[in-house]
């Protein structure tokens, strides 16, 4: 199997819980390690090749607690040993976390993928999301040591330029993989025009990279359709949208994955398996 044989494949990432939505926003969002573990399995069975994991504390707030990550992964391995999904662990699940707590689970668990938020920004008009240059350098070098593929989350085109800079410095290793985050508050506005601009910027600054995208809120479906049509991979799930339709809460993350499968197949493409996704992304 080589990458050229997989050009018609589309990878689905299921982003299950994030750091914000709570049960009062949608009672179906998974919160505990056991709920998250079971949700990973259901999304994998439905067609997700990657699951992006955040953890929650006892109050339902985002946490970078190493023990929660470990418990969730151990549960998955023991309950569902057949599940070969790629685990993509967040490094930004708590705005109050230290640089050290954002990396501790990577050091111990050595996941295949983890998020790499390539710049700082205001967050939801209320706080600061800090990803300092020293932290990004330490995190990039850690990923090389643990053989973890960075998922470069970009909220504006400047973060693509940052990734190109770190690639030239040897902090990031090509080929890079980007996640275009469209329509987040204080990030780039969600629109197909802006999605095209983000991809063109990536192609210019980081040629040969792979990419995925998602849209928040009412732009979600437009970004999903456009990403499939443009040759990108897709991310869906309740981290980004708790509504399935306008006025209808999502029943599960599996429901989002199943819809993405239908869209990909109806467009004439195929859904990538975890093994195929590993080849596309260059995971060893």
C-alpha atoms as a PDB file:
ATOM      1  CA  UNK A   1       0.000   0.000   0.000  1.00  0.00           C
ATOM      2  CA  UNK A   2       1.384   3.430  -0.944  1.00  0.00           C
ATOM      3  CA  UNK A   3       0.053   6.959  -0.648  1.00  0.00           C
ATOM      4  CA  UNK A   4      -0.827   7.252  -4.332  1.00  0.00           C
ATOM      5  CA  UNK A   5      -3.174   4.275  -4.011  1.00  0.00           C
ATOM      6  CA  UNK A   6      -4.936   6.126  -1.182  1.00  0.00           C
ATOM      7  CA  UNK A   7      -5.656   9.440  -2.920  1.00  0.00           C
ATOM      8  CA  UNK A   8      -9.409   8.744  -2.927  1.00  0.00           C
ATOM      9  CA  UNK A   9      -9.459   7.965   0.805  1.00  0.00           C
ATOM     10  CA  UNK A  10     -10.702  10.410   3.430  1.00  0.00           C
ATOM     11  CA  UNK A  11      -9.765  10.123   7.102  1.00  0.00           C
ATOM     12  CA  UNK A  12     -12.474  10.787   9.694  1.00  0.00           C
ATOM     13  CA  UNK A  13     -11.387  12.150  13.073  1.00  0.00           C
ATOM     14  CA  UNK A  14     -13.953  12.033  15.866  1.00  0.00           C
ATOM     15  CA  UNK A  15     -13.394  14.803  18.436  1.00  0.00           C
ATOM     16  CA  UNK A  16     -15.451  13.454  21.295  1.00  0.00           C
ATOM     17  CA  UNK A  17     -15.674  15.884  24.167  1.00  0.00           C
ATOM     18  CA  UNK A  18     -13.329  18.889  24.150  1.00  0.00           C
ATOM     19  CA  UNK A  19     -12.855  21.050  27.227  1.00  0.00           C
ATOM     20  CA  UNK A  20     -16.104  23.001  27.212  1.00  0.00           C
ATOM     21  CA  UNK A  21     -19.475  21.358  26.466  1.00  0.00           C
ATOM     22  CA  UNK A  22     -21.077  19.872  29.565  1.00  0.00           C
ATOM     23  CA  UNK A  23     -24.071  17.665  30.194  1.00  0.00           C
ATOM     24  CA  UNK A  24     -26.293  20.744  30.450  1.00  0.00           C
ATOM     25  CA  UNK A  25     -25.277  21.656  26.891  1.00  0.00           C
ATOM     26  CA  UNK A  26     -25.873  18.129  25.634  1.00  0.00           C
ATOM     27  CA  UNK A  27     -26.542  15.203  28.015  1.00  0.00           C
ATOM     28  CA  UNK A  28     -25.038  12.789  25.471  1.00  0.00           C
ATOM     29  CA  UNK A  29     -21.493  14.133  25.592  1.00  0.00           C
ATOM     30  CA  UNK A  30     -19.029  11.625  27.115  1.00  0.00           C
ATOM     31  CA  UNK A  31     -17.272  12.850  30.260  1.00  0.00           C
ATOM     32  CA  UNK A  32     -15.859   9.990  32.333  1.00  0.00           C
ATOM     33  CA  UNK A  33     -13.020   7.695  31.246  1.00  0.00           C
ATOM     34  CA  UNK A  34     -15.494   4.839  30.795  1.00  0.00           C
ATOM     35  CA  UNK A  35     -17.908   6.973  28.729  1.00  0.00           C
ATOM     36  CA  UNK A  36     -15.048   8.240  26.568  1.00  0.00           C
ATOM     37  CA  UNK A  37     -13.652   4.722  26.148  1.00  0.00           C
ATOM     38  CA  UNK A  38     -17.014   3.371  24.983  1.00  0.00           C
ATOM     39  CA  UNK A  39     -17.475   6.351  22.659  1.00  0.00           C
ATOM     40  CA  UNK A  40     -14.071   5.759  21.051  1.00  0.00           C
ATOM     41  CA  UNK A  41     -15.114   2.196  20.277  1.00  0.00           C
ATOM     42  CA  UNK A  42     -18.494   3.194  18.825  1.00  0.00           C
ATOM     43  CA  UNK A  43     -16.939   5.877  16.621  1.00  0.00           C
ATOM     44  CA  UNK A  44     -14.272   3.440  15.420  1.00  0.00           C
ATOM     45  CA  UNK A  45     -16.914   0.883  14.485  1.00  0.00           C
ATOM     46  CA  UNK A  46     -18.819   3.598  12.603  1.00  0.00           C
ATOM     47  CA  UNK A  47     -15.787   4.586  10.502  1.00  0.00           C
ATOM     48  CA  UNK A  48     -13.510   6.937  12.450  1.00  0.00           C
ATOM     49  CA  UNK A  49      -9.814   6.203  11.939  1.00  0.00           C
ATOM     50  CA  UNK A  50      -8.732   8.754  14.573  1.00  0.00           C
ATOM     51  CA  UNK A  51     -10.283   9.817  17.858  1.00  0.00           C
ATOM     52  CA  UNK A  52      -9.189  13.104  19.437  1.00  0.00           C
ATOM     53  CA  UNK A  53      -9.301  12.868  23.225  1.00  0.00           C
ATOM     54  CA  UNK A  54      -9.782  15.427  25.976  1.00  0.00           C
ATOM     55  CA  UNK A  55     -10.303  14.539  29.641  1.00  0.00           C
ATOM     56  CA  UNK A  56     -12.712  15.978  32.222  1.00  0.00           C
ATOM     57  CA  UNK A  57     -12.451  16.224  36.003  1.00  0.00           C
ATOM     58  CA  UNK A  58     -15.159  15.294  38.522  1.00  0.00           C
ATOM     59  CA  UNK A  59     -16.939  18.609  37.920  1.00  0.00           C
ATOM     60  CA  UNK A  60     -16.871  18.154  34.165  1.00  0.00           C
ATOM     61  CA  UNK A  61     -14.152  20.751  33.539  1.00  0.00           C
ATOM     62  CA  UNK A  62     -11.297  20.201  31.125  1.00  0.00           C
ATOM     63  CA  UNK A  63      -8.217  18.687  32.741  1.00  0.00           C
ATOM     64  CA  UNK A  64      -4.758  17.519  31.710  1.00  0.00           C
ATOM     65  CA  UNK A  65      -4.746  14.896  34.471  1.00  0.00           C
ATOM     66  CA  UNK A  66      -2.338  12.155  33.389  1.00  0.00           C
ATOM     67  CA  UNK A  67      -4.263   9.573  35.411  1.00  0.00           C
ATOM     68  CA  UNK A  68      -7.439  10.263  33.428  1.00  0.00           C
ATOM     69  CA  UNK A  69      -5.656   9.774  30.114  1.00  0.00           C
ATOM     70  CA  UNK A  70      -4.026   6.587  31.393  1.00  0.00           C
ATOM     71  CA  UNK A  71      -7.292   5.185  32.758  1.00  0.00           C
ATOM     72  CA  UNK A  72      -9.151   5.848  29.506  1.00  0.00           C
ATOM     73  CA  UNK A  73      -6.491   4.225  27.343  1.00  0.00           C
ATOM     74  CA  UNK A  74      -6.125   1.234  29.684  1.00  0.00           C
ATOM     75  CA  UNK A  75      -9.898   0.728  29.596  1.00  0.00           C
ATOM     76  CA  UNK A  76      -9.895   0.843  25.817  1.00  0.00           C
ATOM     77  CA  UNK A  77      -7.114  -1.730  25.566  1.00  0.00           C
ATOM     78  CA  UNK A  78      -8.771  -4.095  28.050  1.00  0.00           C
ATOM     79  CA  UNK A  79     -12.398  -3.784  26.903  1.00  0.00           C
ATOM     80  CA  UNK A  80     -11.834  -3.481  23.156  1.00  0.00           C
ATOM     81  CA  UNK A  81      -8.481  -5.054  22.222  1.00  0.00           C
ATOM     82  CA  UNK A  82      -9.600  -5.310  18.581  1.00  0.00           C
ATOM     83  CA  UNK A  83      -9.955  -1.524  18.279  1.00  0.00           C
ATOM     84  CA  UNK A  84      -6.998  -0.261  16.212  1.00  0.00           C
ATOM     85  CA  UNK A  85      -8.111   3.374  16.136  1.00  0.00           C
ATOM     86  CA  UNK A  86      -5.401   6.064  16.170  1.00  0.00           C
ATOM     87  CA  UNK A  87      -5.474   7.959  19.458  1.00  0.00           C
ATOM     88  CA  UNK A  88      -4.826  11.690  19.163  1.00  0.00           C
ATOM     89  CA  UNK A  89      -4.379  13.196  22.645  1.00  0.00           C
ATOM     90  CA  UNK A  90      -4.874  16.884  23.307  1.00  0.00           C
ATOM     91  CA  UNK A  91      -2.098  18.997  24.783  1.00  0.00           C
ATOM     92  CA  UNK A  92      -4.468  21.913  25.447  1.00  0.00           C
ATOM     93  CA  UNK A  93      -7.355  20.653  27.569  1.00  0.00           C
ATOM     94  CA  UNK A  94      -7.048  23.218  30.367  1.00  0.00           C
ATOM     95  CA  UNK A  95      -6.156  26.884  29.930  1.00  0.00           C
ATOM     96  CA  UNK A  96      -4.694  26.917  33.466  1.00  0.00           C
ATOM     97  CA  UNK A  97      -2.379  23.958  32.902  1.00  0.00           C
ATOM     98  CA  UNK A  98       1.386  24.417  33.068  1.00  0.00           C
ATOM     99  CA  UNK A  99       3.729  23.525  30.232  1.00  0.00           C
ATOM    100  CA  UNK A 100       4.766  20.470  32.246  1.00  0.00           C
ATOM    101  CA  UNK A 101       1.246  19.122  32.812  1.00  0.00           C
ATOM    102  CA  UNK A 102       0.475  19.647  29.124  1.00  0.00           C
ATOM    103  CA  UNK A 103       3.314  17.277  28.242  1.00  0.00           C
ATOM    104  CA  UNK A 104       3.299  14.714  31.065  1.00  0.00           C
ATOM    105  CA  UNK A 105       0.862  12.325  29.380  1.00  0.00           C
ATOM    106  CA  UNK A 106       2.855  12.477  26.133  1.00  0.00           C
ATOM    107  CA  UNK A 107       6.048  11.508  27.975  1.00  0.00           C
ATOM    108  CA  UNK A 108       4.417   8.498  29.658  1.00  0.00           C
ATOM    109  CA  UNK A 109       1.842   7.294  27.126  1.00  0.00           C
ATOM    110  CA  UNK A 110       3.673   8.102  23.864  1.00  0.00           C
ATOM    111  CA  UNK A 111       0.543   8.417  21.701  1.00  0.00           C
ATOM    112  CA  UNK A 112       0.644   8.045  17.928  1.00  0.00           C
ATOM    113  CA  UNK A 113      -0.722  11.581  17.541  1.00  0.00           C
ATOM    114  CA  UNK A 114      -1.247  14.665  19.689  1.00  0.00           C
ATOM    115  CA  UNK A 115      -2.380  18.215  19.124  1.00  0.00           C
ATOM    116  CA  UNK A 116       0.104  21.015  18.458  1.00  0.00           C
ATOM    117  CA  UNK A 117      -1.580  24.432  18.645  1.00  0.00           C
ATOM    118  CA  UNK A 118       0.814  26.520  16.606  1.00  0.00           C
ATOM    119  CA  UNK A 119       0.376  29.963  18.184  1.00  0.00           C
ATOM    120  CA  UNK A 120      -1.292  31.965  20.937  1.00  0.00           C
ATOM    121  CA  UNK A 121      -4.658  33.716  20.707  1.00  0.00           C
ATOM    122  CA  UNK A 122      -7.528  35.229  22.637  1.00  0.00           C
ATOM    123  CA  UNK A 123      -9.973  32.450  23.504  1.00  0.00           C
ATOM    124  CA  UNK A 124     -13.759  32.864  23.275  1.00  0.00           C
ATOM    125  CA  UNK A 125     -13.476  36.587  24.096  1.00  0.00           C
ATOM    126  CA  UNK A 126     -12.810  35.664  27.728  1.00  0.00           C
ATOM    127  CA  UNK A 127      -9.255  34.390  28.226  1.00  0.00           C
ATOM    128  CA  UNK A 128      -5.835  33.762  26.711  1.00  0.00           C
ATOM    129  CA  UNK A 129      -4.737  30.556  25.001  1.00  0.00           C
ATOM    130  CA  UNK A 130      -0.962  30.689  25.396  1.00  0.00           C
ATOM    131  CA  UNK A 131       1.375  28.602  23.262  1.00  0.00           C
ATOM    132  CA  UNK A 132       4.687  30.340  23.764  1.00  0.00           C
ATOM    133  CA  UNK A 133       7.670  29.823  21.448  1.00  0.00           C
ATOM    134  CA  UNK A 134       9.643  27.998  24.170  1.00  0.00           C
ATOM    135  CA  UNK A 135       6.694  25.646  24.794  1.00  0.00           C
ATOM    136  CA  UNK A 136       6.216  24.935  21.097  1.00  0.00           C
ATOM    137  CA  UNK A 137       9.903  24.162  20.712  1.00  0.00           C
ATOM    138  CA  UNK A 138       9.896  21.823  23.731  1.00  0.00           C
ATOM    139  CA  UNK A 139       6.699  20.126  22.559  1.00  0.00           C
ATOM    140  CA  UNK A 140       7.959  19.635  19.011  1.00  0.00           C
ATOM    141  CA  UNK A 141      11.181  18.045  20.212  1.00  0.00           C
ATOM    142  CA  UNK A 142       9.252  15.863  22.672  1.00  0.00           C
ATOM    143  CA  UNK A 143       7.056  14.589  19.845  1.00  0.00           C
ATOM    144  CA  UNK A 144      10.173  13.555  17.941  1.00  0.00           C
ATOM    145  CA  UNK A 145      11.451  11.692  21.001  1.00  0.00           C
ATOM    146  CA  UNK A 146       8.147   9.853  21.595  1.00  0.00           C
ATOM    147  CA  UNK A 147       7.506   9.282  17.861  1.00  0.00           C
ATOM    148  CA  UNK A 148       4.222  11.215  18.122  1.00  0.00           C
ATOM    149  CA  UNK A 149       2.772  12.824  14.989  1.00  0.00           C
ATOM    150  CA  UNK A 150       1.766  16.456  15.627  1.00  0.00           C
ATOM    151  CA  UNK A 151      -1.720  17.418  14.548  1.00  0.00           C
ATOM    152  CA  UNK A 152      -1.003  21.093  13.869  1.00  0.00           C
ATOM    153  CA  UNK A 153      -4.170  22.903  14.905  1.00  0.00           C
ATOM    154  CA  UNK A 154      -4.364  26.230  13.100  1.00  0.00           C
ATOM    155  CA  UNK A 155      -6.922  28.886  13.942  1.00  0.00           C
ATOM    156  CA  UNK A 156      -5.585  31.472  11.485  1.00  0.00           C
ATOM    157  CA  UNK A 157      -3.083  31.546   8.594  1.00  0.00           C
ATOM    158  CA  UNK A 158      -0.359  32.993  10.809  1.00  0.00           C
ATOM    159  CA  UNK A 159      -0.197  29.653  12.602  1.00  0.00           C
ATOM    160  CA  UNK A 160       0.592  27.963   9.279  1.00  0.00           C
ATOM    161  CA  UNK A 161       3.528  30.356   8.908  1.00  0.00           C
ATOM    162  CA  UNK A 162       4.621  29.449  12.432  1.00  0.00           C
ATOM    163  CA  UNK A 163       4.578  25.757  11.485  1.00  0.00           C
ATOM    164  CA  UNK A 164       6.706  26.492   8.413  1.00  0.00           C
ATOM    165  CA  UNK A 165       9.192  28.313  10.649  1.00  0.00           C
ATOM    166  CA  UNK A 166       9.419  25.396  13.092  1.00  0.00           C
ATOM    167  CA  UNK A 167       9.807  22.977  10.199  1.00  0.00           C
ATOM    168  CA  UNK A 168      12.809  24.965   8.944  1.00  0.00           C
ATOM    169  CA  UNK A 169      14.275  24.955  12.461  1.00  0.00           C
ATOM    170  CA  UNK A 170      13.888  21.165  12.729  1.00  0.00           C
ATOM    171  CA  UNK A 171      11.323  21.400  15.531  1.00  0.00           C
ATOM    172  CA  UNK A 172       8.679  19.867  13.248  1.00  0.00           C
ATOM    173  CA  UNK A 173       9.426  17.171  10.693  1.00  0.00           C
ATOM    174  CA  UNK A 174       7.844  17.034   7.250  1.00  0.00           C
ATOM    175  CA  UNK A 175       5.435  15.934   6.003  1.00  0.00           C
ATOM    176  CA  UNK A 176       3.279  18.014   8.335  1.00  0.00           C
ATOM    177  CA  UNK A 177      -0.382  17.386   9.107  1.00  0.00           C
ATOM    178  CA  UNK A 178      -2.704  20.358   9.681  1.00  0.00           C
ATOM    179  CA  UNK A 179      -6.122  20.659  11.276  1.00  0.00           C
ATOM    180  CA  UNK A 180      -7.882  23.821  10.037  1.00  0.00           C
ATOM    181  CA  UNK A 181     -10.148  25.086  12.817  1.00  0.00           C
ATOM    182  CA  UNK A 182     -12.806  27.166  11.073  1.00  0.00           C
ATOM    183  CA  UNK A 183     -15.251  29.484  12.794  1.00  0.00           C
ATOM    184  CA  UNK A 184     -13.859  29.429  16.335  1.00  0.00           C
ATOM    185  CA  UNK A 185     -14.306  32.669  18.251  1.00  0.00           C
ATOM    186  CA  UNK A 186     -11.229  34.899  17.731  1.00  0.00           C
ATOM    187  CA  UNK A 187      -9.986  32.617  14.941  1.00  0.00           C
ATOM    188  CA  UNK A 188     -10.499  32.797  11.195  1.00  0.00           C
ATOM    189  CA  UNK A 189     -14.136  33.103  10.142  1.00  0.00           C
ATOM    190  CA  UNK A 190     -15.697  29.908   8.868  1.00  0.00           C
ATOM    191  CA  UNK A 191     -16.343  30.074   5.116  1.00  0.00           C
ATOM    192  CA  UNK A 192     -15.378  28.076   2.041  1.00  0.00           C
ATOM    193  CA  UNK A 193     -13.443  31.093   0.752  1.00  0.00           C
ATOM    194  CA  UNK A 194     -11.353  31.145   3.923  1.00  0.00           C
ATOM    195  CA  UNK A 195     -10.886  27.374   3.831  1.00  0.00           C
ATOM    196  CA  UNK A 196      -9.471  27.664   0.298  1.00  0.00           C
ATOM    197  CA  UNK A 197      -7.193  30.455   1.528  1.00  0.00           C
ATOM    198  CA  UNK A 198      -5.930  28.307   4.413  1.00  0.00           C
ATOM    199  CA  UNK A 199      -5.178  25.392   2.090  1.00  0.00           C
ATOM    200  CA  UNK A 200      -3.437  27.639  -0.444  1.00  0.00           C
ATOM    201  CA  UNK A 201      -1.324  29.125   2.356  1.00  0.00           C
ATOM    202  CA  UNK A 202      -0.370  25.632   3.524  1.00  0.00           C
ATOM    203  CA  UNK A 203       0.485  24.523  -0.023  1.00  0.00           C
ATOM    204  CA  UNK A 204       2.723  27.567  -0.472  1.00  0.00           C
ATOM    205  CA  UNK A 205       4.517  27.430   2.881  1.00  0.00           C
ATOM    206  CA  UNK A 206       4.482  23.715   3.680  1.00  0.00           C
ATOM    207  CA  UNK A 207       4.195  21.794   0.394  1.00  0.00           C
ATOM    208  CA  UNK A 208       3.473  18.099   0.656  1.00  0.00           C
ATOM    209  CA  UNK A 209       1.467  18.445   3.864  1.00  0.00           C
ATOM    210  CA  UNK A 210      -1.766  16.621   4.601  1.00  0.00           C
ATOM    211  CA  UNK A 211      -4.746  18.428   6.075  1.00  0.00           C
ATOM    212  CA  UNK A 212      -8.111  18.095   7.738  1.00  0.00           C
ATOM    213  CA  UNK A 213     -10.766  20.639   8.700  1.00  0.00           C
ATOM    214  CA  UNK A 214     -13.871  21.239  10.760  1.00  0.00           C
ATOM    215  CA  UNK A 215     -16.360  24.063  11.159  1.00  0.00           C
ATOM    216  CA  UNK A 216     -18.002  25.268  14.347  1.00  0.00           C
ATOM    217  CA  UNK A 217     -21.710  26.029  14.523  1.00  0.00           C
ATOM    218  CA  UNK A 218     -23.775  26.867  11.474  1.00  0.00           C
ATOM    219  CA  UNK A 219     -20.753  26.606   9.142  1.00  0.00           C
ATOM    220  CA  UNK A 220     -20.077  22.967  10.077  1.00  0.00           C
ATOM    221  CA  UNK A 221     -21.851  21.286   7.166  1.00  0.00           C
ATOM    222  CA  UNK A 222     -20.503  23.712   4.564  1.00  0.00           C
ATOM    223  CA  UNK A 223     -16.937  23.083   5.733  1.00  0.00           C
ATOM    224  CA  UNK A 224     -17.533  19.326   5.841  1.00  0.00           C
ATOM    225  CA  UNK A 225     -18.780  19.186   2.238  1.00  0.00           C
ATOM    226  CA  UNK A 226     -16.074  21.554   0.969  1.00  0.00           C
ATOM    227  CA  UNK A 227     -13.261  19.685   2.702  1.00  0.00           C
ATOM    228  CA  UNK A 228     -14.267  16.366   1.151  1.00  0.00           C
ATOM    229  CA  UNK A 229     -14.543  18.009  -2.278  1.00  0.00           C
ATOM    230  CA  UNK A 230     -11.141  19.691  -1.927  1.00  0.00           C
ATOM    231  CA  UNK A 231      -9.349  16.453  -1.085  1.00  0.00           C
ATOM    232  CA  UNK A 232      -9.000  17.022   2.649  1.00  0.00           C
ATOM    233  CA  UNK A 233      -9.788  14.854   5.633  1.00  0.00           C
ATOM    234  CA  UNK A 234     -12.555  15.680   8.102  1.00  0.00           C
ATOM    235  CA  UNK A 235     -13.133  16.105  11.807  1.00  0.00           C
ATOM    236  CA  UNK A 236     -16.565  15.776  13.397  1.00  0.00           C
ATOM    237  CA  UNK A 237     -17.929  15.436  16.915  1.00  0.00           C
ATOM    238  CA  UNK A 238     -19.316  17.121  19.985  1.00  0.00           C
ATOM    239  CA  UNK A 239     -16.110  18.930  20.834  1.00  0.00           C
ATOM    240  CA  UNK A 240     -16.984  21.257  17.967  1.00  0.00           C
ATOM    241  CA  UNK A 241     -20.781  20.984  17.695  1.00  0.00           C
ATOM    242  CA  UNK A 242     -23.351  19.759  20.209  1.00  0.00           C
ATOM    243  CA  UNK A 243     -26.182  20.252  17.683  1.00  0.00           C
ATOM    244  CA  UNK A 244     -26.743  17.744  14.891  1.00  0.00           C
ATOM    245  CA  UNK A 245     -29.220  19.950  13.061  1.00  0.00           C
ATOM    246  CA  UNK A 246     -30.494  23.401  13.932  1.00  0.00           C
ATOM    247  CA  UNK A 247     -32.623  22.903  17.023  1.00  0.00           C
ATOM    248  CA  UNK A 248     -31.705  19.184  17.385  1.00  0.00           C
ATOM    249  CA  UNK A 249     -29.117  18.004  19.880  1.00  0.00           C
ATOM    250  CA  UNK A 250     -26.720  15.325  18.687  1.00  0.00           C
ATOM    251  CA  UNK A 251     -27.583  11.875  19.984  1.00  0.00           C
ATOM    252  CA  UNK A 252     -23.954  10.707  19.968  1.00  0.00           C
ATOM    253  CA  UNK A 253     -20.577  11.238  18.377  1.00  0.00           C
ATOM    254  CA  UNK A 254     -21.266   8.081  16.390  1.00  0.00           C
ATOM    255  CA  UNK A 255     -24.137   9.952  14.704  1.00  0.00           C
ATOM    256  CA  UNK A 256     -21.682  12.570  13.399  1.00  0.00           C
ATOM    257  CA  UNK A 257     -19.292   9.884  12.143  1.00  0.00           C
ATOM    258  CA  UNK A 258     -22.080   8.045  10.327  1.00  0.00           C
ATOM    259  CA  UNK A 259     -23.096  11.233   8.536  1.00  0.00           C
ATOM    260  CA  UNK A 260     -19.492  11.920   7.512  1.00  0.00           C
ATOM    261  CA  UNK A 261     -19.267   8.377   6.114  1.00  0.00           C
ATOM    262  CA  UNK A 262     -22.389   8.953   3.994  1.00  0.00           C
ATOM    263  CA  UNK A 263     -21.090  12.272   2.647  1.00  0.00           C
ATOM    264  CA  UNK A 264     -17.679  10.850   1.773  1.00  0.00           C
ATOM    265  CA  UNK A 265     -19.149   7.835   0.006  1.00  0.00           C
ATOM    266  CA  UNK A 266     -21.840   9.792  -1.831  1.00  0.00           C
ATOM    267  CA  UNK A 267     -19.143  12.104  -3.155  1.00  0.00           C
ATOM    268  CA  UNK A 268     -17.448   9.059  -4.671  1.00  0.00           C
ATOM    269  CA  UNK A 269     -14.634   8.733  -2.145  1.00  0.00           C
ATOM    270  CA  UNK A 270     -13.858   6.040   0.392  1.00  0.00           C
ATOM    271  CA  UNK A 271     -13.451   6.174   4.158  1.00  0.00           C
ATOM    272  CA  UNK A 272      -9.896   5.413   5.290  1.00  0.00           C
ATOM    273  CA  UNK A 273      -9.322   2.629   7.782  1.00  0.00           C
ATOM    274  CA  UNK A 274      -6.901   3.231  10.662  1.00  0.00           C
ATOM    275  CA  UNK A 275      -4.246   1.236   8.795  1.00  0.00           C
ATOM    276  CA  UNK A 276      -4.752   3.357   5.671  1.00  0.00           C
ATOM    277  CA  UNK A 277      -4.719   6.528   7.756  1.00  0.00           C
ATOM    278  CA  UNK A 278      -1.366   5.514   9.214  1.00  0.00           C
ATOM    279  CA  UNK A 279       0.045   5.210   5.708  1.00  0.00           C
ATOM    280  CA  UNK A 280      -1.452   8.536   4.562  1.00  0.00           C
ATOM    281  CA  UNK A 281      -0.057  10.348   7.622  1.00  0.00           C
ATOM    282  CA  UNK A 282       3.291   8.590   7.647  1.00  0.00           C
ATOM    283  CA  UNK A 283       2.843   7.000  11.062  1.00  0.00           C
ATOM    284  CA  UNK A 284       5.298   4.212  11.759  1.00  0.00           C
END
